[in-house]
C-alpha atoms as a PDB file:
ATOM      1  CA  UNK A   1       9.491  16.402   7.407  1.00  0.00           C
ATOM      2  CA  UNK A   2       5.860  16.986   6.395  1.00  0.00           C
ATOM      3  CA  UNK A   3       6.725  16.946   2.709  1.00  0.00           C
ATOM      4  CA  UNK A   4       8.676  13.716   3.093  1.00  0.00           C
ATOM      5  CA  UNK A   5       5.689  11.989   4.693  1.00  0.00           C
ATOM      6  CA  UNK A   6       3.391  13.276   1.950  1.00  0.00           C
ATOM      7  CA  UNK A   7       5.727  12.078  -0.792  1.00  0.00           C
ATOM      8  CA  UNK A   8       6.163   8.701   0.918  1.00  0.00           C
ATOM      9  CA  UNK A   9       2.385   8.395   1.253  1.00  0.00           C
ATOM     10  CA  UNK A  10       1.877   9.111  -2.428  1.00  0.00           C
ATOM     11  CA  UNK A  11       4.594   6.643  -3.428  1.00  0.00           C
ATOM     12  CA  UNK A  12       3.267   3.855  -1.201  1.00  0.00           C
ATOM     13  CA  UNK A  13      -0.283   4.519  -2.409  1.00  0.00           C
ATOM     14  CA  UNK A  14       0.892   4.157  -5.990  1.00  0.00           C
ATOM     15  CA  UNK A  15       2.725   0.958  -5.139  1.00  0.00           C
ATOM     16  CA  UNK A  16      -0.385  -0.434  -3.431  1.00  0.00           C
ATOM     17  CA  UNK A  17      -2.597   0.479  -6.399  1.00  0.00           C
ATOM     18  CA  UNK A  18      -0.112  -1.046  -8.825  1.00  0.00           C
ATOM     19  CA  UNK A  19       0.082  -4.299  -6.861  1.00  0.00           C
ATOM     20  CA  UNK A  20      -3.721  -4.418  -6.582  1.00  0.00           C
ATOM     21  CA  UNK A  21      -4.096  -4.046 -10.346  1.00  0.00           C
ATOM     22  CA  UNK A  22      -1.502  -6.753 -10.956  1.00  0.00           C
ATOM     23  CA  UNK A  23      -3.192  -9.114  -8.508  1.00  0.00           C
ATOM     24  CA  UNK A  24      -6.710  -8.595  -9.850  1.00  0.00           C
ATOM     25  CA  UNK A  25      -5.995  -8.480 -13.574  1.00  0.00           C
ATOM     26  CA  UNK A  26      -3.081 -10.842 -14.096  1.00  0.00           C
ATOM     27  CA  UNK A  27      -3.722 -13.764 -11.767  1.00  0.00           C
ATOM     28  CA  UNK A  28      -5.941 -16.736 -12.362  1.00  0.00           C
ATOM     29  CA  UNK A  29      -8.056 -16.664  -9.207  1.00  0.00           C
ATOM     30  CA  UNK A  30     -11.268 -18.533  -8.558  1.00  0.00           C
ATOM     31  CA  UNK A  31     -14.459 -16.572  -9.317  1.00  0.00           C
ATOM     32  CA  UNK A  32     -15.396 -16.348  -5.639  1.00  0.00           C
ATOM     33  CA  UNK A  33     -12.086 -14.701  -4.700  1.00  0.00           C
ATOM     34  CA  UNK A  34     -12.095 -12.500  -7.801  1.00  0.00           C
ATOM     35  CA  UNK A  35     -15.548 -11.176  -6.889  1.00  0.00           C
ATOM     36  CA  UNK A  36     -14.300 -10.293  -3.415  1.00  0.00           C
ATOM     37  CA  UNK A  37     -11.295  -8.445  -4.850  1.00  0.00           C
ATOM     38  CA  UNK A  38     -13.338  -6.406  -7.336  1.00  0.00           C
ATOM     39  CA  UNK A  39     -14.575  -4.026  -4.669  1.00  0.00           C
ATOM     40  CA  UNK A  40     -13.729  -0.559  -3.476  1.00  0.00           C
ATOM     41  CA  UNK A  41     -12.978  -1.880   0.008  1.00  0.00           C
ATOM     42  CA  UNK A  42     -10.298  -4.266  -1.257  1.00  0.00           C
ATOM     43  CA  UNK A  43      -8.643  -1.448  -3.200  1.00  0.00           C
ATOM     44  CA  UNK A  44      -8.630   0.846  -0.161  1.00  0.00           C
ATOM     45  CA  UNK A  45      -7.335  -2.015   2.003  1.00  0.00           C
ATOM     46  CA  UNK A  46      -4.375  -2.545  -0.335  1.00  0.00           C
ATOM     47  CA  UNK A  47      -3.488   1.146  -0.315  1.00  0.00           C
ATOM     48  CA  UNK A  48      -3.804   1.428   3.466  1.00  0.00           C
ATOM     49  CA  UNK A  49      -1.810  -1.747   4.037  1.00  0.00           C
ATOM     50  CA  UNK A  50       1.045  -0.548   1.849  1.00  0.00           C
ATOM     51  CA  UNK A  51       1.046   2.863   3.520  1.00  0.00           C
ATOM     52  CA  UNK A  52       1.029   1.449   7.052  1.00  0.00           C
ATOM     53  CA  UNK A  53       3.758  -1.071   6.337  1.00  0.00           C
ATOM     54  CA  UNK A  54       5.918   1.322   4.332  1.00  0.00           C
ATOM     55  CA  UNK A  55       5.682   4.279   6.684  1.00  0.00           C
ATOM     56  CA  UNK A  56       6.240   2.096   9.740  1.00  0.00           C
ATOM     57  CA  UNK A  57       9.362   0.615   8.150  1.00  0.00           C
ATOM     58  CA  UNK A  58      10.662   4.096   7.405  1.00  0.00           C
ATOM     59  CA  UNK A  59       9.907   5.182  10.966  1.00  0.00           C
ATOM     60  CA  UNK A  60      11.659   2.139  12.440  1.00  0.00           C
ATOM     61  CA  UNK A  61      14.742   2.517  10.247  1.00  0.00           C
ATOM     62  CA  UNK A  62      15.240   6.235  10.973  1.00  0.00           C
ATOM     63  CA  UNK A  63      18.324   6.878  13.060  1.00  0.00           C
ATOM     64  CA  UNK A  64      17.668   8.375  16.457  1.00  0.00           C
ATOM     65  CA  UNK A  65      18.940  11.878  16.958  1.00  0.00           C
ATOM     66  CA  UNK A  66      20.522  12.645  20.314  1.00  0.00           C
ATOM     67  CA  UNK A  67      19.558  16.069  21.654  1.00  0.00           C
END
């Protein structure tokens, strides 16, 4: 279970970083918005957002185990 969470965290972090790079480099945003996105905080926000959403979806979709 620990290894699954670690692997999921790495995968969602990679997905967040990939989407951040696509958003910042390949969109035609206004200079004001682009300046706000070119920061360390925006990058960390993307990674945390993808991890929270992804891991919560996995947690919600897990079947319950009767004991």
